[in-house]
Amino acid sequence: MRQAGRALPEYRRVRGDEGLLESLMRPDLAVEVTLQPVRRYGVDAAIVFSDIVVPPAATGFGVDIKSGVGPVVEKPFRSAADLERVRPFDVEADAPWLIETVRILARELTIPLIGFAGAPFTVASYLIEGRPSRDYVQTKTLMLADTALWLALLDRLADQAIASAEAQIAAGAQAVQLFDSWAGALDPATYERFVLPATTKVLAALASSGVPLIYFGVGTGELIGMIPGAGATVVGVDWRVPLGVARERTGGSVALQGNLDPAFCVAGWEAAAPAALRILHEARDSGVDGHIFNLGHGVMPETDPDVLARIVDLVHSFERSR
């Protein structure tokens, strides 16, 4: 997952006290942070060091990322007047550092580079709530009480996500992951009506690129059946849904990514190893057509890096033995 580096002591050393957004604006630093988990763990792909709120932050919406909190917004989205603050994302003009980071990585890496963007719903939730939320009541209220404004907001955020992902692909990214981290806050009917069209717009726009398109959300087990039809070629699964069940819900038409609970890694090797093997056997035995072993969400900062390294070795050994 995207946060693979944040448990590393070398990550904390190189970041120091610099803010996250400021770090992203330095291609030399962003490249180094992207490469650190590749060097340490020997993983099969790298994911660019960036953040899903880069487009609204770079276009002047007033977004910052506070350590220990996450994205915070100085003036949250509340009315139609705020729609003008969500302007088109010109990546070369607004965030040239992101493209430079991707270009450098594409030249230096010998493994695939994954770019990513924020899905419209999850980015909208940050802009509306003003910070991470537990209940998303402000987001749902806007969605239900002023549906026209909600759909207009998601349409603009979809355009920002498309612009970001297309620029990363053009710069050398060989796959794109669409992070819809908090879509699990919605029931299936609400997601299908109010969110799925914008998600589909992003995935459909990127389909012509020919690169794999990964969709991931937390708590989205009841939603994943809709995602293949939206255009994803890989569906991320968190730890709540067994891979065999995920295969049934997605119709066996896509590859699956996941889905070790990150807490097992914190608990140590004795807990993580059998859990990882269970997932590997389940993917094989349930007939999943393409499986990317991964965590079911991001690495927790307190994770022992050696446990992650041993898990990578375990997965590689399992694959070689097949």
C-alpha atoms as a PDB file:
ATOM      1  CA  MET A   1       0.000   0.000   0.000  1.00  0.00           C
ATOM      2  CA  ARG A   2       0.945   3.624  -0.421  1.00  0.00           C
ATOM      3  CA  GLN A   3       2.216   4.069   3.136  1.00  0.00           C
ATOM      4  CA  ALA A   4       4.773   1.256   2.950  1.00  0.00           C
ATOM      5  CA  GLY A   5       7.644   3.612   3.761  1.00  0.00           C
ATOM      6  CA  ARG A   6       6.292   5.353   6.818  1.00  0.00           C
ATOM      7  CA  ALA A   7       7.357   2.590   9.229  1.00  0.00           C
ATOM      8  CA  LEU A   8      10.960   2.887   8.097  1.00  0.00           C
ATOM      9  CA  PRO A   9      13.549   4.707  10.204  1.00  0.00           C
ATOM     10  CA  GLU A  10      15.192   5.955   7.015  1.00  0.00           C
ATOM     11  CA  TYR A  11      11.878   7.538   6.028  1.00  0.00           C
ATOM     12  CA  ARG A  12      11.651   9.437   9.297  1.00  0.00           C
ATOM     13  CA  ARG A  13      15.258  10.571   8.953  1.00  0.00           C
ATOM     14  CA  VAL A  14      14.869  11.908   5.440  1.00  0.00           C
ATOM     15  CA  ARG A  15      11.516  13.586   6.116  1.00  0.00           C
ATOM     16  CA  GLY A  16      12.607  15.183   9.378  1.00  0.00           C
ATOM     17  CA  ASP A  17      10.210  17.945  10.417  1.00  0.00           C
ATOM     18  CA  GLU A  18       9.234  18.899   6.885  1.00  0.00           C
ATOM     19  CA  GLY A  19       5.506  18.892   6.144  1.00  0.00           C
ATOM     20  CA  LEU A  20       4.098  16.244   3.841  1.00  0.00           C
ATOM     21  CA  LEU A  21       2.974  18.579   1.073  1.00  0.00           C
ATOM     22  CA  GLU A  22       6.312  20.388   1.211  1.00  0.00           C
ATOM     23  CA  SER A  23       8.070  17.026   0.921  1.00  0.00           C
ATOM     24  CA  LEU A  24       6.065  16.126  -2.164  1.00  0.00           C
ATOM     25  CA  MET A  25       7.164  19.340  -3.847  1.00  0.00           C
ATOM     26  CA  ARG A  26      10.794  18.200  -3.715  1.00  0.00           C
ATOM     27  CA  PRO A  27      11.306  15.550  -6.438  1.00  0.00           C
ATOM     28  CA  ASP A  28      14.630  14.465  -4.935  1.00  0.00           C
ATOM     29  CA  LEU A  29      12.938  13.714  -1.616  1.00  0.00           C
ATOM     30  CA  ALA A  30       9.818  12.167  -3.153  1.00  0.00           C
ATOM     31  CA  VAL A  31      11.979   9.873  -5.296  1.00  0.00           C
ATOM     32  CA  GLU A  32      14.037   8.785  -2.303  1.00  0.00           C
ATOM     33  CA  VAL A  33      10.955   8.038  -0.215  1.00  0.00           C
ATOM     34  CA  THR A  34       9.425   6.028  -3.080  1.00  0.00           C
ATOM     35  CA  LEU A  35      12.581   3.953  -3.443  1.00  0.00           C
ATOM     36  CA  GLN A  36      13.132   3.233   0.254  1.00  0.00           C
ATOM     37  CA  PRO A  37      10.574   0.397   0.609  1.00  0.00           C
ATOM     38  CA  VAL A  38      11.707  -1.023  -2.735  1.00  0.00           C
ATOM     39  CA  ARG A  39      15.276  -1.285  -1.463  1.00  0.00           C
ATOM     40  CA  ARG A  40      14.284  -2.536   1.978  1.00  0.00           C
ATOM     41  CA  TYR A  41      11.628  -5.083   1.047  1.00  0.00           C
ATOM     42  CA  GLY A  42      12.287  -6.139  -2.551  1.00  0.00           C
ATOM     43  CA  VAL A  43       8.657  -5.653  -3.542  1.00  0.00           C
ATOM     44  CA  ASP A  44       7.453  -6.232  -7.095  1.00  0.00           C
ATOM     45  CA  ALA A  45       6.278  -2.668  -7.802  1.00  0.00           C
ATOM     46  CA  ALA A  46       6.729   0.852  -6.479  1.00  0.00           C
ATOM     47  CA  ILE A  47       4.013   3.410  -5.822  1.00  0.00           C
ATOM     48  CA  VAL A  48       4.865   7.074  -6.179  1.00  0.00           C
ATOM     49  CA  PHE A  49       5.158   9.079  -2.970  1.00  0.00           C
ATOM     50  CA  SER A  50       2.282  11.540  -3.229  1.00  0.00           C
ATOM     51  CA  ASP A  51      -1.166  12.152  -1.745  1.00  0.00           C
ATOM     52  CA  ILE A  52      -4.754  12.079  -2.967  1.00  0.00           C
ATOM     53  CA  VAL A  53      -5.353  15.725  -1.993  1.00  0.00           C
ATOM     54  CA  VAL A  54      -2.563  17.045  -4.238  1.00  0.00           C
ATOM     55  CA  PRO A  55      -4.984  18.328  -6.941  1.00  0.00           C
ATOM     56  CA  PRO A  56      -7.153  20.486  -4.638  1.00  0.00           C
ATOM     57  CA  ALA A  57      -4.106  21.586  -2.660  1.00  0.00           C
ATOM     58  CA  ALA A  58      -2.155  22.533  -5.776  1.00  0.00           C
ATOM     59  CA  THR A  59      -5.098  24.419  -7.270  1.00  0.00           C
ATOM     60  CA  GLY A  60      -5.540  26.620  -4.220  1.00  0.00           C
ATOM     61  CA  PHE A  61      -8.542  25.143  -2.394  1.00  0.00           C
ATOM     62  CA  GLY A  62      -6.777  25.582   0.928  1.00  0.00           C
ATOM     63  CA  VAL A  63      -5.787  22.042   1.897  1.00  0.00           C
ATOM     64  CA  ASP A  64      -2.953  21.082   4.204  1.00  0.00           C
ATOM     65  CA  ILE A  65      -1.875  17.751   5.682  1.00  0.00           C
ATOM     66  CA  LYS A  66      -1.283  17.843   9.416  1.00  0.00           C
ATOM     67  CA  SER A  67       0.923  15.237  11.026  1.00  0.00           C
ATOM     68  CA  GLY A  68      -1.127  12.834  13.109  1.00  0.00           C
ATOM     69  CA  VAL A  69      -4.397  14.188  11.703  1.00  0.00           C
ATOM     70  CA  GLY A  70      -4.441  13.980   7.906  1.00  0.00           C
ATOM     71  CA  PRO A  71      -5.876  16.399   5.344  1.00  0.00           C
ATOM     72  CA  VAL A  72      -7.404  19.543   6.837  1.00  0.00           C
ATOM     73  CA  VAL A  73      -9.190  22.330   4.990  1.00  0.00           C
ATOM     74  CA  GLU A  74      -9.048  25.952   6.047  1.00  0.00           C
ATOM     75  CA  LYS A  75     -12.481  26.762   4.582  1.00  0.00           C
ATOM     76  CA  PRO A  76     -14.568  23.618   3.933  1.00  0.00           C
ATOM     77  CA  PHE A  77     -16.901  23.278   0.963  1.00  0.00           C
ATOM     78  CA  ARG A  78     -20.393  24.429   1.965  1.00  0.00           C
ATOM     79  CA  SER A  79     -22.277  26.051  -0.924  1.00  0.00           C
ATOM     80  CA  ALA A  80     -22.469  26.615  -4.666  1.00  0.00           C
ATOM     81  CA  ALA A  81     -20.093  29.546  -4.263  1.00  0.00           C
ATOM     82  CA  ASP A  82     -17.378  27.095  -3.232  1.00  0.00           C
ATOM     83  CA  LEU A  83     -17.663  25.250  -6.523  1.00  0.00           C
ATOM     84  CA  GLU A  84     -15.577  27.948  -8.202  1.00  0.00           C
ATOM     85  CA  ARG A  85     -12.732  27.053  -5.840  1.00  0.00           C
ATOM     86  CA  VAL A  86     -12.552  23.575  -7.406  1.00  0.00           C
ATOM     87  CA  ARG A  87     -10.853  24.588 -10.615  1.00  0.00           C
ATOM     88  CA  PRO A  88      -9.289  22.399 -13.336  1.00  0.00           C
ATOM     89  CA  PHE A  89      -5.977  20.771 -12.427  1.00  0.00           C
ATOM     90  CA  ASP A  90      -3.254  21.708 -14.913  1.00  0.00           C
ATOM     91  CA  VAL A  91      -0.603  19.288 -13.707  1.00  0.00           C
ATOM     92  CA  GLU A  92       2.333  20.764 -15.607  1.00  0.00           C
ATOM     93  CA  ALA A  93       1.535  24.256 -14.303  1.00  0.00           C
ATOM     94  CA  ASP A  94       0.136  23.440 -10.844  1.00  0.00           C
ATOM     95  CA  ALA A  95       2.293  20.479  -9.793  1.00  0.00           C
ATOM     96  CA  PRO A  96       5.309  20.113 -12.092  1.00  0.00           C
ATOM     97  CA  TRP A  97       7.165  18.500  -9.195  1.00  0.00           C
ATOM     98  CA  LEU A  98       4.783  15.518  -9.297  1.00  0.00           C
ATOM     99  CA  ILE A  99       5.509  14.893 -12.961  1.00  0.00           C
ATOM    100  CA  GLU A 100       9.248  15.318 -12.441  1.00  0.00           C
ATOM    101  CA  THR A 101       9.136  12.771  -9.615  1.00  0.00           C
ATOM    102  CA  VAL A 102       7.352  10.246 -11.827  1.00  0.00           C
ATOM    103  CA  ARG A 103       9.762  10.829 -14.714  1.00  0.00           C
ATOM    104  CA  ILE A 104      12.809  10.260 -12.524  1.00  0.00           C
ATOM    105  CA  LEU A 105      11.327   7.112 -11.010  1.00  0.00           C
ATOM    106  CA  ALA A 106      10.355   5.728 -14.408  1.00  0.00           C
ATOM    107  CA  ARG A 107      13.982   6.075 -15.490  1.00  0.00           C
ATOM    108  CA  GLU A 108      15.522   4.629 -12.333  1.00  0.00           C
ATOM    109  CA  LEU A 109      13.221   1.736 -11.490  1.00  0.00           C
ATOM    110  CA  THR A 110      13.568  -1.759 -12.891  1.00  0.00           C
ATOM    111  CA  ILE A 111      10.122  -2.719 -11.569  1.00  0.00           C
ATOM    112  CA  PRO A 112       6.732  -1.212 -12.496  1.00  0.00           C
ATOM    113  CA  LEU A 113       5.764   2.188 -11.093  1.00  0.00           C
ATOM    114  CA  ILE A 114       2.196   2.694  -9.881  1.00  0.00           C
ATOM    115  CA  GLY A 115       0.721   6.166  -9.968  1.00  0.00           C
ATOM    116  CA  PHE A 116      -2.457   7.051  -8.143  1.00  0.00           C
ATOM    117  CA  ALA A 117      -5.270   9.520  -7.690  1.00  0.00           C
ATOM    118  CA  GLY A 118      -8.031  10.158  -5.202  1.00  0.00           C
ATOM    119  CA  ALA A 119     -11.517   8.975  -6.112  1.00  0.00           C
ATOM    120  CA  PRO A 120     -14.076  11.792  -6.229  1.00  0.00           C
ATOM    121  CA  PHE A 121     -16.075  10.682  -3.176  1.00  0.00           C
ATOM    122  CA  THR A 122     -13.131  10.405  -0.814  1.00  0.00           C
ATOM    123  CA  VAL A 123     -11.574  13.708  -1.902  1.00  0.00           C
ATOM    124  CA  ALA A 124     -14.998  15.375  -1.626  1.00  0.00           C
ATOM    125  CA  SER A 125     -15.364  14.059   1.925  1.00  0.00           C
ATOM    126  CA  TYR A 126     -12.167  15.830   2.962  1.00  0.00           C
ATOM    127  CA  LEU A 127     -13.176  19.087   1.285  1.00  0.00           C
ATOM    128  CA  ILE A 128     -16.613  19.040   2.891  1.00  0.00           C
ATOM    129  CA  GLU A 129     -15.789  17.710   6.362  1.00  0.00           C
ATOM    130  CA  GLY A 130     -12.618  19.785   6.602  1.00  0.00           C
ATOM    131  CA  ARG A 131     -10.701  16.905   8.165  1.00  0.00           C
ATOM    132  CA  PRO A 132     -10.945  13.104   8.540  1.00  0.00           C
ATOM    133  CA  SER A 133     -14.378  12.064   9.787  1.00  0.00           C
ATOM    134  CA  ARG A 134     -16.012   9.115  11.494  1.00  0.00           C
ATOM    135  CA  ASP A 135     -19.585   9.657  10.328  1.00  0.00           C
ATOM    136  CA  TYR A 136     -19.311  11.827   7.177  1.00  0.00           C
ATOM    137  CA  VAL A 137     -22.517  13.582   8.165  1.00  0.00           C
ATOM    138  CA  GLN A 138     -21.649  16.847   6.397  1.00  0.00           C
ATOM    139  CA  THR A 139     -20.782  14.937   3.227  1.00  0.00           C
ATOM    140  CA  LYS A 140     -23.953  12.879   3.270  1.00  0.00           C
ATOM    141  CA  THR A 141     -26.065  15.926   4.078  1.00  0.00           C
ATOM    142  CA  LEU A 142     -24.808  17.792   1.018  1.00  0.00           C
ATOM    143  CA  MET A 143     -25.206  14.660  -1.097  1.00  0.00           C
ATOM    144  CA  LEU A 144     -28.842  14.174  -0.070  1.00  0.00           C
ATOM    145  CA  ALA A 145     -30.016  17.762   0.445  1.00  0.00           C
ATOM    146  CA  ASP A 146     -28.408  19.409  -2.596  1.00  0.00           C
ATOM    147  CA  THR A 147     -27.836  16.600  -5.045  1.00  0.00           C
ATOM    148  CA  ALA A 148     -27.230  18.899  -8.020  1.00  0.00           C
ATOM    149  CA  LEU A 149     -24.386  20.661  -6.222  1.00  0.00           C
ATOM    150  CA  TRP A 150     -23.001  17.319  -5.004  1.00  0.00           C
ATOM    151  CA  LEU A 151     -22.910  15.904  -8.522  1.00  0.00           C
ATOM    152  CA  ALA A 152     -21.287  19.065  -9.853  1.00  0.00           C
ATOM    153  CA  LEU A 153     -18.586  18.830  -7.183  1.00  0.00           C
ATOM    154  CA  LEU A 154     -17.895  15.162  -7.921  1.00  0.00           C
ATOM    155  CA  ASP A 155     -17.734  15.888 -11.632  1.00  0.00           C
ATOM    156  CA  ARG A 156     -15.025  18.507 -11.086  1.00  0.00           C
ATOM    157  CA  LEU A 157     -13.096  16.234  -8.758  1.00  0.00           C
ATOM    158  CA  ALA A 158     -13.346  13.455 -11.342  1.00  0.00           C
ATOM    159  CA  ASP A 159     -11.768  15.795 -13.878  1.00  0.00           C
ATOM    160  CA  GLN A 160      -8.940  16.578 -11.436  1.00  0.00           C
ATOM    161  CA  ALA A 161      -8.321  12.867 -10.828  1.00  0.00           C
ATOM    162  CA  ILE A 162      -8.276  12.168 -14.578  1.00  0.00           C
ATOM    163  CA  ALA A 163      -5.813  14.985 -15.213  1.00  0.00           C
ATOM    164  CA  SER A 164      -3.516  13.779 -12.442  1.00  0.00           C
ATOM    165  CA  ALA A 165      -3.583  10.131 -13.489  1.00  0.00           C
ATOM    166  CA  GLU A 166      -3.166  10.875 -17.201  1.00  0.00           C
ATOM    167  CA  ALA A 167      -0.143  13.067 -16.498  1.00  0.00           C
ATOM    168  CA  GLN A 168       1.433  10.354 -14.346  1.00  0.00           C
ATOM    169  CA  ILE A 169       0.867   7.755 -17.062  1.00  0.00           C
ATOM    170  CA  ALA A 170       2.361  10.054 -19.694  1.00  0.00           C
ATOM    171  CA  ALA A 171       5.399  10.548 -17.425  1.00  0.00           C
ATOM    172  CA  GLY A 172       5.962   6.796 -17.094  1.00  0.00           C
ATOM    173  CA  ALA A 173       3.575   5.274 -14.540  1.00  0.00           C
ATOM    174  CA  GLN A 174       2.704   1.742 -15.654  1.00  0.00           C
ATOM    175  CA  ALA A 175      -0.453   1.342 -13.573  1.00  0.00           C
ATOM    176  CA  VAL A 176      -2.811   3.631 -11.642  1.00  0.00           C
ATOM    177  CA  GLN A 177      -4.579   3.042  -8.349  1.00  0.00           C
ATOM    178  CA  LEU A 178      -7.745   4.996  -7.564  1.00  0.00           C
ATOM    179  CA  PHE A 179      -8.026   5.430  -3.805  1.00  0.00           C
ATOM    180  CA  ASP A 180     -11.631   5.615  -2.590  1.00  0.00           C
ATOM    181  CA  SER A 181     -10.571   5.118   0.991  1.00  0.00           C
ATOM    182  CA  TRP A 182     -13.839   6.097   2.687  1.00  0.00           C
ATOM    183  CA  ALA A 183     -16.466   4.868   0.214  1.00  0.00           C
ATOM    184  CA  GLY A 184     -17.299   2.150   2.729  1.00  0.00           C
ATOM    185  CA  ALA A 185     -19.245   4.792   4.655  1.00  0.00           C
ATOM    186  CA  LEU A 186     -22.028   4.383   2.068  1.00  0.00           C
ATOM    187  CA  ASP A 187     -24.627   1.684   1.539  1.00  0.00           C
ATOM    188  CA  PRO A 188     -24.737   0.090  -1.930  1.00  0.00           C
ATOM    189  CA  ALA A 189     -27.831   1.938  -3.186  1.00  0.00           C
ATOM    190  CA  THR A 190     -26.466   5.325  -2.141  1.00  0.00           C
ATOM    191  CA  TYR A 191     -23.053   4.578  -3.636  1.00  0.00           C
ATOM    192  CA  GLU A 192     -24.601   3.437  -6.911  1.00  0.00           C
ATOM    193  CA  ARG A 193     -26.771   6.529  -7.269  1.00  0.00           C
ATOM    194  CA  PHE A 194     -24.570   9.314  -5.953  1.00  0.00           C
ATOM    195  CA  VAL A 195     -20.961   8.144  -6.411  1.00  0.00           C
ATOM    196  CA  LEU A 196     -20.579   5.381  -8.983  1.00  0.00           C
ATOM    197  CA  PRO A 197     -21.128   7.663 -12.031  1.00  0.00           C
ATOM    198  CA  ALA A 198     -18.145   9.855 -11.085  1.00  0.00           C
ATOM    199  CA  THR A 199     -15.981   6.811 -10.329  1.00  0.00           C
ATOM    200  CA  THR A 200     -16.936   5.340 -13.695  1.00  0.00           C
ATOM    201  CA  LYS A 201     -16.074   8.622 -15.421  1.00  0.00           C
ATOM    202  CA  VAL A 202     -12.524   8.476 -14.047  1.00  0.00           C
ATOM    203  CA  LEU A 203     -11.946   4.827 -14.906  1.00  0.00           C
ATOM    204  CA  ALA A 204     -13.508   5.158 -18.371  1.00  0.00           C
ATOM    205  CA  ALA A 205     -11.302   8.136 -19.189  1.00  0.00           C
ATOM    206  CA  LEU A 206      -8.183   6.171 -18.243  1.00  0.00           C
ATOM    207  CA  ALA A 207      -9.167   2.954 -20.033  1.00  0.00           C
ATOM    208  CA  SER A 208      -7.638   4.037 -23.339  1.00  0.00           C
ATOM    209  CA  SER A 209      -4.221   4.284 -21.674  1.00  0.00           C
ATOM    210  CA  GLY A 210      -4.074   0.494 -21.563  1.00  0.00           C
ATOM    211  CA  VAL A 211      -2.499   0.418 -18.091  1.00  0.00           C
ATOM    212  CA  PRO A 212      -3.983  -1.651 -15.247  1.00  0.00           C
ATOM    213  CA  LEU A 213      -6.529   0.332 -13.218  1.00  0.00           C
ATOM    214  CA  ILE A 214      -6.771  -0.586  -9.534  1.00  0.00           C
ATOM    215  CA  TYR A 215      -9.701   0.516  -7.360  1.00  0.00           C
ATOM    216  CA  PHE A 216      -9.346   0.394  -3.593  1.00  0.00           C
ATOM    217  CA  GLY A 217     -11.532   1.361  -0.658  1.00  0.00           C
ATOM    218  CA  VAL A 218     -11.845   0.455   3.006  1.00  0.00           C
ATOM    219  CA  GLY A 219     -14.991  -1.317   4.162  1.00  0.00           C
ATOM    220  CA  THR A 220     -16.222  -1.604   0.586  1.00  0.00           C
ATOM    221  CA  GLY A 221     -17.071  -5.297   0.634  1.00  0.00           C
ATOM    222  CA  GLU A 222     -20.727  -4.572  -0.165  1.00  0.00           C
ATOM    223  CA  LEU A 223     -19.743  -2.293  -3.059  1.00  0.00           C
ATOM    224  CA  ILE A 224     -17.075  -4.230  -4.921  1.00  0.00           C
ATOM    225  CA  GLY A 225     -19.551  -6.059  -7.148  1.00  0.00           C
ATOM    226  CA  MET A 226     -20.163  -2.762  -8.981  1.00  0.00           C
ATOM    227  CA  ILE A 227     -16.499  -1.944  -9.580  1.00  0.00           C
ATOM    228  CA  PRO A 228     -15.645  -4.240 -12.530  1.00  0.00           C
ATOM    229  CA  GLY A 229     -18.517  -2.710 -14.488  1.00  0.00           C
ATOM    230  CA  ALA A 230     -17.138   0.742 -13.714  1.00  0.00           C
ATOM    231  CA  GLY A 231     -13.934  -0.124 -15.545  1.00  0.00           C
ATOM    232  CA  ALA A 232     -11.427  -1.300 -12.957  1.00  0.00           C
ATOM    233  CA  THR A 233      -9.166  -4.170 -13.975  1.00  0.00           C
ATOM    234  CA  VAL A 234      -8.020  -4.847 -10.398  1.00  0.00           C
ATOM    235  CA  VAL A 235     -10.159  -4.533  -7.263  1.00  0.00           C
ATOM    236  CA  GLY A 236      -8.520  -3.978  -3.901  1.00  0.00           C
ATOM    237  CA  VAL A 237     -10.034  -5.923  -1.023  1.00  0.00           C
ATOM    238  CA  ASP A 238      -9.619  -5.031   2.620  1.00  0.00           C
ATOM    239  CA  TRP A 239      -9.251  -7.691   5.306  1.00  0.00           C
ATOM    240  CA  ARG A 240     -12.972  -7.909   6.076  1.00  0.00           C
ATOM    241  CA  VAL A 241     -13.844  -9.868   2.932  1.00  0.00           C
ATOM    242  CA  PRO A 242     -12.284 -13.265   2.139  1.00  0.00           C
ATOM    243  CA  LEU A 243     -10.781 -13.385  -1.341  1.00  0.00           C
ATOM    244  CA  GLY A 244     -13.057 -16.233  -2.355  1.00  0.00           C
ATOM    245  CA  VAL A 245     -16.094 -14.124  -1.478  1.00  0.00           C
ATOM    246  CA  ALA A 246     -14.592 -11.137  -3.290  1.00  0.00           C
ATOM    247  CA  ARG A 247     -14.136 -13.298  -6.387  1.00  0.00           C
ATOM    248  CA  GLU A 248     -17.800 -14.277  -6.282  1.00  0.00           C
ATOM    249  CA  ARG A 249     -18.944 -10.684  -5.830  1.00  0.00           C
ATOM    250  CA  THR A 250     -16.814  -9.410  -8.713  1.00  0.00           C
ATOM    251  CA  GLY A 251     -17.824 -12.275 -10.974  1.00  0.00           C
ATOM    252  CA  GLY A 252     -14.276 -13.503 -11.385  1.00  0.00           C
ATOM    253  CA  SER A 253     -13.768 -10.859 -14.056  1.00  0.00           C
ATOM    254  CA  VAL A 254     -10.938  -8.886 -12.438  1.00  0.00           C
ATOM    255  CA  ALA A 255      -7.718  -9.469 -10.561  1.00  0.00           C
ATOM    256  CA  LEU A 256      -7.843  -8.957  -6.811  1.00  0.00           C
ATOM    257  CA  GLN A 257      -5.438  -7.088  -4.547  1.00  0.00           C
ATOM    258  CA  GLY A 258      -5.110  -7.716  -0.817  1.00  0.00           C
ATOM    259  CA  ASN A 259      -5.809  -8.414   1.879  1.00  0.00           C
ATOM    260  CA  LEU A 260      -3.745  -8.969   5.052  1.00  0.00           C
ATOM    261  CA  ASP A 261      -4.939  -6.983   8.065  1.00  0.00           C
ATOM    262  CA  PRO A 262      -2.095  -4.522   8.866  1.00  0.00           C
ATOM    263  CA  ALA A 263      -2.552  -5.260  12.567  1.00  0.00           C
ATOM    264  CA  PHE A 264      -1.105  -8.745  12.022  1.00  0.00           C
ATOM    265  CA  CYS A 265       2.150  -7.108  10.959  1.00  0.00           C
ATOM    266  CA  VAL A 266       2.232  -5.066  14.153  1.00  0.00           C
ATOM    267  CA  ALA A 267       1.539  -8.212  16.165  1.00  0.00           C
ATOM    268  CA  GLY A 268       4.724  -9.790  14.812  1.00  0.00           C
ATOM    269  CA  TRP A 269       5.936 -12.556  12.568  1.00  0.00           C
ATOM    270  CA  GLU A 270       4.255 -15.391  14.471  1.00  0.00           C
ATOM    271  CA  ALA A 271       0.887 -13.757  13.858  1.00  0.00           C
ATOM    272  CA  ALA A 272       1.551 -12.435  10.355  1.00  0.00           C
ATOM    273  CA  ALA A 273       3.062 -15.523   8.710  1.00  0.00           C
ATOM    274  CA  PRO A 274       0.096 -17.929   9.051  1.00  0.00           C
ATOM    275  CA  ALA A 275      -2.337 -15.148   8.127  1.00  0.00           C
ATOM    276  CA  ALA A 276      -0.365 -14.366   4.971  1.00  0.00           C
ATOM    277  CA  LEU A 277      -0.225 -18.042   4.017  1.00  0.00           C
ATOM    278  CA  ARG A 278      -3.964 -18.384   4.544  1.00  0.00           C
ATOM    279  CA  ILE A 279      -4.568 -15.531   2.093  1.00  0.00           C
ATOM    280  CA  LEU A 280      -2.171 -16.994  -0.476  1.00  0.00           C
ATOM    281  CA  HIS A 281      -3.832 -20.404  -0.291  1.00  0.00           C
ATOM    282  CA  GLU A 282      -7.288 -18.853  -0.448  1.00  0.00           C
ATOM    283  CA  ALA A 283      -6.419 -16.884  -3.592  1.00  0.00           C
ATOM    284  CA  ARG A 284      -5.044 -20.024  -5.232  1.00  0.00           C
ATOM    285  CA  ASP A 285      -7.734 -22.434  -4.112  1.00  0.00           C
ATOM    286  CA  SER A 286     -10.704 -20.173  -4.870  1.00  0.00           C
ATOM    287  CA  GLY A 287      -9.599 -19.652  -8.462  1.00  0.00           C
ATOM    288  CA  VAL A 288      -8.833 -15.942  -8.286  1.00  0.00           C
ATOM    289  CA  ASP A 289      -7.611 -14.991 -11.775  1.00  0.00           C
ATOM    290  CA  GLY A 290      -4.687 -12.780 -10.832  1.00  0.00           C
ATOM    291  CA  HIS A 291      -3.798 -11.884  -7.255  1.00  0.00           C
ATOM    292  CA  ILE A 292      -1.616  -9.040  -6.017  1.00  0.00           C
ATOM    293  CA  PHE A 293      -0.681  -9.873  -2.450  1.00  0.00           C
ATOM    294  CA  ASN A 294      -0.927  -6.743  -0.355  1.00  0.00           C
ATOM    295  CA  LEU A 295      -2.182  -5.412   2.917  1.00  0.00           C
ATOM    296  CA  GLY A 296      -5.858  -4.654   3.341  1.00  0.00           C
ATOM    297  CA  HIS A 297      -4.917  -1.032   4.080  1.00  0.00           C
ATOM    298  CA  GLY A 298      -1.767   0.968   4.779  1.00  0.00           C
ATOM    299  CA  VAL A 299       1.213   0.013   6.905  1.00  0.00           C
ATOM    300  CA  MET A 300       0.880   1.167  10.505  1.00  0.00           C
ATOM    301  CA  PRO A 301       3.801   3.359  11.633  1.00  0.00           C
ATOM    302  CA  GLU A 302       4.637   1.084  14.572  1.00  0.00           C
ATOM    303  CA  THR A 303       5.188  -1.940  12.302  1.00  0.00           C
ATOM    304  CA  ASP A 304       8.562  -3.681  12.507  1.00  0.00           C
ATOM    305  CA  PRO A 305      10.089  -3.360   8.998  1.00  0.00           C
ATOM    306  CA  ASP A 306      11.691  -6.791   9.366  1.00  0.00           C
ATOM    307  CA  VAL A 307       8.247  -8.376   9.598  1.00  0.00           C
ATOM    308  CA  LEU A 308       7.268  -6.786   6.293  1.00  0.00           C
ATOM    309  CA  ALA A 309      10.508  -7.954   4.680  1.00  0.00           C
ATOM    310  CA  ARG A 310       9.854 -11.515   5.835  1.00  0.00           C
ATOM    311  CA  ILE A 311       6.302 -11.379   4.480  1.00  0.00           C
ATOM    312  CA  VAL A 312       7.616 -10.319   1.066  1.00  0.00           C
ATOM    313  CA  ASP A 313      10.064 -13.236   1.135  1.00  0.00           C
ATOM    314  CA  LEU A 314       7.258 -15.586   2.142  1.00  0.00           C
ATOM    315  CA  VAL A 315       5.067 -14.462  -0.759  1.00  0.00           C
ATOM    316  CA  HIS A 316       7.922 -14.850  -3.235  1.00  0.00           C
ATOM    317  CA  SER A 317       8.731 -18.324  -1.909  1.00  0.00           C
ATOM    318  CA  PHE A 318       5.088 -19.349  -2.173  1.00  0.00           C
ATOM    319  CA  GLU A 319       4.921 -18.166  -5.773  1.00  0.00           C
ATOM    320  CA  ARG A 320       8.116 -20.006  -6.734  1.00  0.00           C
ATOM    321  CA  SER A 321       6.780 -23.226  -5.214  1.00  0.00           C
ATOM    322  CA  ARG A 322       3.583 -23.252  -7.260  1.00  0.00           C
END
